[in-house]
Amino acid sequence: MEPPLPTLLEPRDVPLGGPRAMTVRRTLPHKRIRTVGAWCFVDHYGPDSTPMVVPPHPHIGLQTVSWLLAGEVEHRDSVGSLARVRPGELNIMTAGHGITHSEYSVCDGPLHGVQLWVALPGTERDRPPAFAHHPELPGHEQVRVLVGRFDGLTSPAQVYSPLVGAQVSGRMEVAIEPDFEYAVLAVTGDALVNGYPVPHGALQYLGWGQDRLMLDTGVALVLGGQPLAEDLLMWWNFVGRTHDEIVEAREQYARHDRRFGPVAGDDRPFLPAPAMPNVRLRPRPGR
């Protein structure tokens, strides 16, 4: 299969939790490129003084990756986790068969960060839910590795498909995996990625088949992985494979089935699930 042409993905503004909530800039999924490896969702927010208020809500079939550049966010979930994530630290939550969690900013200053989702492969998507907090990650002055291996450094975070995520800055040239597809998010300021100009907030998709990544950037996020060979069905906070699977998860969440248990220490009402559409949902190719 020939790789897609390099494509610039411009962000779209999305309110996080309602019309008066924090606004995020979403670049993935995009109508032109739906996934980068198993990365299936990219939200960039801030710097913003608007508080993050995300009441208890569900997930299935994915991992969430939370990364901050400024501020502090408290995470709670239905497996009993309580953790605060700060700049340079990583929260990674594996929803698997099903989890409920909440997130609230707990800082006085501005909040700036990235929220990412990873689609779990078919063999792992029903695994038990779990959460991990990593206060330290491998890196140097220009690189911090969130997941996978990059620039000779390997993250301790557990993922379930060939994947990489790294924060980078400055001018650099790095060897990359030719069988991975890559994209670079310009987090602070504009960037130059393999000769392509990338405006602030945009995601430059690069395809696969390359062995070098050349960067001249402020802070940017490199995302990559082996092209996803599975069809995905993404609806609301669920990553599944079939319409019936999504319907079942929504109904179980609505009736507070034990699959989506209470969030320890958070007695706020669960975020209501939206109504299902009047047509059957259809999975789309990950690639």
Protein backbone atom coordinates (compact mmCIF):
# COMPACT_ATOMS: atom_id res chain seq x y z
CA MET A 1 0.00 0.00 0.00
CA GLU A 2 1.30 3.43 -0.96
CA PRO A 3 1.51 5.92 1.93
CA PRO A 4 -0.82 8.92 1.82
CA LEU A 5 0.74 12.19 0.75
CA PRO A 6 1.98 14.51 3.50
CA THR A 7 -1.05 16.46 4.67
CA LEU A 8 -1.48 19.51 6.88
CA LEU A 9 -4.39 19.01 9.31
CA GLU A 10 -5.79 22.30 10.60
CA PRO A 11 -7.44 22.22 14.06
CA ARG A 12 -11.11 22.81 14.74
CA ASP A 13 -12.40 24.38 17.96
CA VAL A 14 -14.49 22.11 20.21
CA PRO A 15 -15.99 23.07 23.62
CA LEU A 16 -14.92 20.57 26.28
CA GLY A 17 -18.06 19.80 28.27
CA GLY A 18 -20.41 22.54 27.08
CA PRO A 19 -20.66 25.96 25.40
CA ARG A 20 -19.08 27.87 28.33
CA ALA A 21 -16.38 25.28 28.93
CA MET A 22 -12.73 25.28 27.96
CA THR A 23 -12.21 25.20 24.19
CA VAL A 24 -9.85 22.60 22.75
CA ARG A 25 -8.27 22.50 19.29
CA ARG A 26 -8.89 19.07 17.73
CA THR A 27 -6.75 17.80 14.87
CA LEU A 28 -7.53 14.07 15.03
CA PRO A 29 -9.70 12.38 13.93
CA HIS A 30 -9.82 14.38 10.70
CA LYS A 31 -11.88 13.76 7.58
CA ARG A 32 -8.64 13.33 5.60
CA ILE A 33 -6.58 11.34 8.13
CA ARG A 34 -8.37 9.44 10.89
CA THR A 35 -5.44 7.81 12.70
CA VAL A 36 -1.66 8.00 13.01
CA GLY A 37 -0.65 4.49 13.95
CA ALA A 38 -3.02 3.70 16.82
CA TRP A 39 -3.27 7.40 17.79
CA CYS A 40 -6.92 8.21 17.09
CA PHE A 41 -7.61 11.47 18.94
CA VAL A 42 -5.57 14.66 19.50
CA ASP A 43 -6.86 17.63 21.54
CA HIS A 44 -4.61 20.63 22.27
CA TYR A 45 -5.80 23.19 24.82
CA GLY A 46 -4.55 26.42 26.34
CA PRO A 47 -2.79 28.33 27.58
CA ASP A 48 -6.19 29.09 29.10
CA SER A 49 -7.37 30.33 32.49
CA THR A 50 -10.77 28.65 32.01
CA PRO A 51 -10.95 25.75 34.49
CA MET A 52 -11.06 22.19 33.21
CA VAL A 53 -14.22 20.58 34.57
CA VAL A 54 -14.90 17.10 33.18
CA PRO A 55 -17.38 15.17 35.40
CA PRO A 56 -17.43 11.36 35.57
CA HIS A 57 -17.80 9.86 32.09
CA PRO A 58 -17.05 6.49 30.45
CA HIS A 59 -14.55 5.04 27.97
CA ILE A 60 -14.09 1.68 26.26
CA GLY A 61 -11.51 0.27 23.86
CA LEU A 62 -8.81 2.92 24.25
CA GLN A 63 -6.00 4.42 26.30
CA THR A 64 -5.96 8.10 27.29
CA VAL A 65 -2.61 9.89 27.43
CA SER A 66 -2.55 13.17 29.40
CA TRP A 67 0.40 15.56 28.95
CA LEU A 68 0.75 19.07 30.38
CA LEU A 69 2.98 22.02 29.58
CA ALA A 70 1.51 24.26 32.30
CA GLY A 71 -0.91 23.84 35.21
CA GLU A 72 -2.10 20.81 37.15
CA VAL A 73 -4.99 18.36 36.64
CA GLU A 74 -6.47 15.88 39.11
CA HIS A 75 -7.57 12.47 37.81
CA ARG A 76 -9.95 10.05 39.57
CA ASP A 77 -11.44 6.84 38.20
CA SER A 78 -13.57 3.77 38.91
CA VAL A 79 -10.58 1.51 39.62
CA GLY A 80 -9.74 3.71 42.63
CA SER A 81 -6.98 5.86 41.14
CA LEU A 82 -6.23 9.37 42.38
CA ALA A 83 -3.35 11.22 40.72
CA ARG A 84 -2.35 14.72 39.79
CA VAL A 85 -0.46 15.30 36.56
CA ARG A 86 1.97 18.20 36.21
CA PRO A 87 4.27 19.36 33.40
CA GLY A 88 6.80 16.66 32.54
CA GLU A 89 4.68 13.89 34.07
CA LEU A 90 2.45 11.39 32.30
CA ASN A 91 -0.98 9.97 33.11
CA ILE A 92 -1.99 6.96 31.02
CA MET A 93 -5.36 5.30 31.55
CA THR A 94 -6.32 2.01 29.91
CA ALA A 95 -10.10 1.88 29.52
CA GLY A 96 -10.17 -1.64 28.08
CA HIS A 97 -13.54 -3.28 28.76
CA GLY A 98 -14.81 -0.15 30.50
CA ILE A 99 -13.89 2.60 32.96
CA THR A 100 -15.36 5.81 34.37
CA HIS A 101 -13.15 8.79 35.23
CA SER A 102 -13.17 12.53 35.92
CA GLU A 103 -10.66 15.34 35.46
CA TYR A 104 -10.49 18.79 37.06
CA SER A 105 -7.83 21.47 36.92
CA VAL A 106 -6.42 22.29 40.38
CA CYS A 107 -4.19 25.24 39.57
CA ASP A 108 -4.53 29.03 39.86
CA GLY A 109 -2.59 29.85 36.69
CA PRO A 110 -3.19 28.96 33.05
CA LEU A 111 -3.63 25.39 31.86
CA HIS A 112 -1.85 24.16 28.73
CA GLY A 113 -1.69 20.60 27.54
CA VAL A 114 -2.58 17.81 25.15
CA GLN A 115 -5.11 15.00 25.55
CA LEU A 116 -4.52 11.96 23.33
CA TRP A 117 -6.31 8.67 22.72
CA VAL A 118 -4.81 5.41 21.55
CA ALA A 119 -7.11 2.79 20.00
CA LEU A 120 -6.46 -0.58 21.63
CA PRO A 121 -5.96 -3.43 19.13
CA GLY A 122 -8.66 -6.06 18.82
CA THR A 123 -6.73 -8.55 20.95
CA GLU A 124 -6.42 -6.07 23.85
CA ARG A 125 -9.51 -3.88 23.74
CA ASP A 126 -11.45 -5.92 26.34
CA ARG A 127 -8.62 -6.11 28.84
CA PRO A 128 -9.30 -5.02 32.46
CA PRO A 129 -9.16 -1.25 33.03
CA ALA A 130 -6.02 0.20 34.60
CA PHE A 131 -4.24 3.46 35.34
CA ALA A 132 -0.59 4.47 35.66
CA HIS A 133 1.13 7.73 36.63
CA HIS A 134 4.73 8.28 35.53
CA PRO A 135 6.39 11.17 37.42
CA GLU A 136 9.63 10.82 35.46
CA LEU A 137 10.21 10.08 31.78
CA PRO A 138 13.42 9.59 29.79
CA GLY A 139 14.73 12.56 27.85
CA HIS A 140 17.25 15.34 27.48
CA GLU A 141 17.18 19.09 26.82
CA GLN A 142 15.33 18.71 23.50
CA VAL A 143 13.36 15.47 23.93
CA ARG A 144 10.99 13.87 26.43
CA VAL A 145 9.60 10.43 25.48
CA LEU A 146 5.97 9.87 26.50
CA VAL A 147 5.47 6.39 25.02
CA GLY A 148 7.53 4.02 22.91
CA ARG A 149 11.10 4.61 21.76
CA PHE A 150 12.50 7.82 20.26
CA ASP A 151 16.04 9.19 19.81
CA GLY A 152 17.46 6.12 21.57
CA LEU A 153 15.26 6.58 24.67
CA THR A 154 12.42 4.28 25.79
CA SER A 155 9.42 5.28 27.90
CA PRO A 156 8.28 3.00 30.76
CA ALA A 157 4.60 3.56 29.85
CA GLN A 158 2.71 0.42 28.80
CA VAL A 159 1.09 0.49 25.35
CA TYR A 160 -0.30 -2.39 23.31
CA SER A 161 0.74 -1.64 19.72
CA PRO A 162 3.94 -0.36 18.05
CA LEU A 163 3.75 3.31 18.95
CA VAL A 164 5.77 6.43 19.76
CA GLY A 165 4.96 9.79 21.31
CA ALA A 166 7.59 12.40 22.22
CA GLN A 167 7.81 16.08 23.07
CA VAL A 168 10.57 17.82 21.10
CA SER A 169 11.94 21.36 20.76
CA GLY A 170 14.59 23.24 18.81
CA ARG A 171 16.47 22.24 15.69
CA MET A 172 17.25 18.55 15.39
CA GLU A 173 17.46 15.55 13.07
CA VAL A 174 16.37 12.15 14.41
CA ALA A 175 16.35 8.64 12.94
CA ILE A 176 12.80 7.23 12.75
CA GLU A 177 11.18 3.89 11.91
CA PRO A 178 10.43 3.55 8.17
CA ASP A 179 7.45 1.25 8.82
CA PHE A 180 5.82 3.81 11.16
CA GLU A 181 3.63 6.65 9.96
CA TYR A 182 4.30 9.98 11.67
CA ALA A 183 2.68 13.32 12.42
CA VAL A 184 3.97 16.37 14.28
CA LEU A 185 1.78 18.79 16.28
CA ALA A 186 3.05 22.38 16.57
CA VAL A 187 2.29 23.07 20.25
CA THR A 188 4.02 26.44 20.79
CA GLY A 189 4.64 28.63 17.77
CA ASP A 190 5.15 27.55 14.18
CA ALA A 191 7.34 24.62 13.13
CA LEU A 192 9.29 23.36 10.16
CA VAL A 193 8.92 19.57 9.77
CA ASN A 194 10.90 17.80 7.02
CA GLY A 195 10.73 21.07 5.11
CA TYR A 196 6.97 21.57 5.56
CA PRO A 197 5.87 24.77 7.35
CA VAL A 198 3.41 23.95 10.15
CA PRO A 199 1.44 26.80 11.75
CA HIS A 200 0.85 26.84 15.49
CA GLY A 201 -1.82 24.32 16.51
CA ALA A 202 -1.77 22.34 13.26
CA LEU A 203 -0.79 18.68 12.81
CA GLN A 204 1.53 17.82 9.92
CA TYR A 205 0.92 14.26 8.74
CA LEU A 206 4.01 12.75 7.07
CA GLY A 207 2.97 9.22 6.06
CA TRP A 208 5.44 6.36 6.29
CA GLY A 209 8.53 5.12 4.45
CA GLN A 210 10.91 7.78 5.81
CA ASP A 211 13.94 7.18 8.01
CA ARG A 212 14.78 10.74 9.17
CA LEU A 213 12.79 13.45 10.91
CA MET A 214 14.13 17.01 10.56
CA LEU A 215 12.67 19.58 12.94
CA ASP A 216 13.00 23.28 13.63
CA THR A 217 10.34 24.09 16.19
CA GLY A 218 9.27 25.52 19.50
CA VAL A 219 7.61 22.80 21.55
CA ALA A 220 6.10 20.11 19.31
CA LEU A 221 4.69 16.63 19.76
CA VAL A 222 5.84 13.76 17.55
CA LEU A 223 3.29 10.96 17.15
CA GLY A 224 3.88 7.74 15.24
CA GLY A 225 3.12 4.07 14.93
CA GLN A 226 2.59 1.21 12.53
CA PRO A 227 -0.41 1.99 10.29
CA LEU A 228 -3.57 0.63 11.88
CA ALA A 229 -4.87 -2.44 10.03
CA GLU A 230 -8.28 -2.51 11.78
CA ASP A 231 -11.54 -0.69 11.11
CA LEU A 232 -12.65 1.51 14.03
CA LEU A 233 -15.99 2.82 15.18
CA MET A 234 -15.54 5.96 17.28
CA TRP A 235 -18.63 7.46 18.90
CA TRP A 236 -18.65 9.87 21.85
CA ASN A 237 -16.12 8.45 24.34
CA PHE A 238 -16.14 4.91 22.96
CA VAL A 239 -13.80 3.18 20.51
CA GLY A 240 -15.39 -0.02 19.24
CA ARG A 241 -15.87 -2.09 16.13
CA THR A 242 -19.65 -2.47 15.70
CA HIS A 243 -22.86 -0.45 16.14
CA ASP A 244 -24.30 -3.03 18.55
CA GLU A 245 -21.20 -2.89 20.73
CA ILE A 246 -21.53 0.90 21.05
CA VAL A 247 -25.28 0.64 21.83
CA GLU A 248 -24.61 -1.93 24.55
CA ALA A 249 -21.89 0.20 26.19
CA ARG A 250 -24.11 3.29 26.13
CA GLU A 251 -27.05 1.41 27.71
CA GLN A 252 -24.85 -0.09 30.41
CA TYR A 253 -23.42 3.33 31.25
CA ALA A 254 -26.89 4.91 31.37
CA ARG A 255 -28.13 2.36 33.90
CA HIS A 256 -24.89 2.53 35.96
CA ASP A 257 -23.93 -1.05 35.21
CA ARG A 258 -20.90 -2.24 37.19
CA ARG A 259 -18.91 -2.11 33.94
CA PHE A 260 -18.90 1.66 34.55
CA GLY A 261 -18.58 1.95 38.31
CA PRO A 262 -18.55 5.07 40.49
CA VAL A 263 -15.51 7.31 40.53
CA ALA A 264 -13.89 7.04 43.95
CA GLY A 265 -14.05 10.36 45.81
CA ASP A 266 -16.14 12.14 43.15
CA ASP A 267 -19.87 12.31 43.87
CA ARG A 268 -20.76 14.64 41.00
CA PRO A 269 -23.45 13.35 38.62
CA PHE A 270 -22.27 11.29 35.67
CA LEU A 271 -22.05 13.17 32.39
CA PRO A 272 -25.17 12.12 30.42
CA ALA A 273 -24.58 10.16 27.24
CA PRO A 274 -25.89 11.71 24.02
CA ALA A 275 -28.73 10.01 22.15
CA MET A 276 -27.77 7.46 19.55
CA PRO A 277 -28.22 8.60 15.93
CA ASN A 278 -31.19 7.37 13.90
CA VAL A 279 -28.93 5.42 11.53
CA ARG A 280 -26.61 2.51 12.23
CA LEU A 281 -23.04 3.53 12.93
CA ARG A 282 -20.47 2.08 10.56
CA PRO A 283 -16.82 1.42 11.29
CA ARG A 284 -14.27 3.24 9.17
CA PRO A 285 -10.83 2.09 8.09
CA GLY A 286 -8.09 3.14 10.48
CA ARG A 287 -6.03 3.73 7.38
